[in-house]
Protein backbone atom coordinates (compact mmCIF):
# COMPACT_ATOMS: atom_id res chain seq x y z
CA MET A 1 62.34 -6.18 259.04
CA SER A 2 62.50 -9.75 257.83
CA ALA A 3 60.33 -12.83 257.84
CA LYS A 4 61.72 -16.30 257.39
CA GLY A 5 59.81 -19.25 256.02
CA ILE A 6 61.16 -22.71 256.77
CA TYR A 7 60.04 -25.92 255.13
CA SER A 8 61.44 -29.24 256.29
CA GLY A 9 60.76 -32.30 254.20
CA SER A 10 62.04 -35.83 254.66
CA THR A 11 65.29 -35.11 252.80
CA THR A 12 65.38 -31.33 252.31
CA THR A 13 65.11 -28.16 254.37
CA ILE A 14 64.34 -24.90 252.57
CA THR A 15 64.67 -21.47 254.20
CA SER A 16 63.49 -18.34 252.39
CA ASP A 17 62.75 -14.70 253.15
CA ILE A 18 58.99 -14.31 252.67
CA LYS A 19 58.58 -10.60 253.48
CA ASP A 20 58.21 -9.74 249.78
CA TYR A 21 54.99 -11.78 249.70
CA PHE A 22 53.24 -9.39 252.12
CA LYS A 23 52.43 -5.69 252.10
CA GLY A 24 54.05 -3.49 254.73
CA GLY A 25 50.88 -1.93 256.16
CA ASP A 26 47.27 -2.56 256.96
CA PHE A 27 44.22 -0.62 258.09
CA GLY A 28 41.10 -1.86 259.77
CA ILE A 29 38.53 -1.38 262.50
CA SER A 30 38.58 -2.24 266.18
CA LEU A 31 35.68 -2.95 268.49
CA GLY A 32 36.05 -3.43 272.20
CA CYS A 33 35.14 -2.54 275.72
CA GLY A 34 36.73 -2.53 279.14
CA TYR A 35 36.02 -2.04 282.81
CA GLN A 36 38.04 -0.75 285.76
CA HIS A 37 36.95 -1.85 289.21
CA GLU A 38 37.34 0.47 292.24
CA SER A 39 40.07 -1.85 293.56
CA GLY A 40 42.24 -0.97 290.52
CA ILE A 41 41.79 -4.24 288.65
CA ASN A 42 40.85 -3.63 285.03
CA TYR A 43 40.13 -5.81 282.05
CA SER A 44 39.20 -5.33 278.45
CA ILE A 45 38.25 -7.33 275.41
CA ARG A 46 38.81 -6.24 271.81
CA TYR A 47 38.43 -7.53 268.26
CA ASN A 48 40.50 -6.06 265.42
CA MET A 49 39.54 -6.73 261.82
CA GLY A 50 41.84 -5.81 258.96
CA LEU A 51 40.10 -4.34 255.93
CA SER A 52 42.92 -4.43 253.39
CA ASN A 53 44.44 -7.36 251.56
CA THR A 54 47.88 -7.98 253.07
CA ASP A 55 49.30 -10.38 250.49
CA ASN A 56 51.53 -8.89 247.83
CA ILE A 57 51.24 -11.71 245.31
CA GLU A 58 50.15 -10.63 241.86
CA SER A 59 47.98 -13.33 240.33
CA ASN A 60 44.90 -13.95 238.28
CA ASP A 61 41.62 -13.66 240.28
CA ALA A 62 40.19 -16.75 238.56
CA LEU A 63 43.29 -18.75 239.47
CA ARG A 64 43.06 -17.56 243.09
CA HIS A 65 39.41 -18.65 243.19
CA ASP A 66 40.20 -22.07 241.68
CA MET A 67 42.96 -22.61 244.24
CA GLY A 68 40.72 -21.51 247.13
CA ILE A 69 42.91 -18.50 247.94
CA GLY A 70 40.99 -15.44 249.06
CA ASN A 71 42.20 -12.09 250.30
CA GLN A 72 44.61 -12.35 253.21
CA THR A 73 43.52 -10.08 256.08
CA ASN A 74 44.47 -9.68 259.72
CA ARG A 75 41.99 -10.73 262.39
CA VAL A 76 42.90 -10.42 266.08
CA PHE A 77 40.99 -11.18 269.28
CA GLN A 78 42.53 -9.58 272.42
CA PHE A 79 41.92 -9.88 276.12
CA SER A 80 43.80 -7.85 278.71
CA LEU A 81 43.93 -7.90 282.49
CA GLY A 82 45.72 -5.26 284.53
CA TYR A 83 46.01 -3.32 287.72
CA SER A 84 46.03 0.49 288.09
CA PHE A 85 47.92 2.02 291.01
């Protein structure tokens, strides 16, 4: 797997592989609910919150605080709509 970061300035474009800056896995909790109507239409709503730090950058905690960089975590809000046959 790869991840490309692209920066375009007024005179320069820089492309780099940024996958080394992030950890390969995450764990977290999910909360959600759904409903299926008698007609077969169903919908659900869900919130996923990552509990682990996903950045792989080794740095000083005081420096991170001074720069305003906290732990990087995943947060996802999902909505689905479907039909069951």
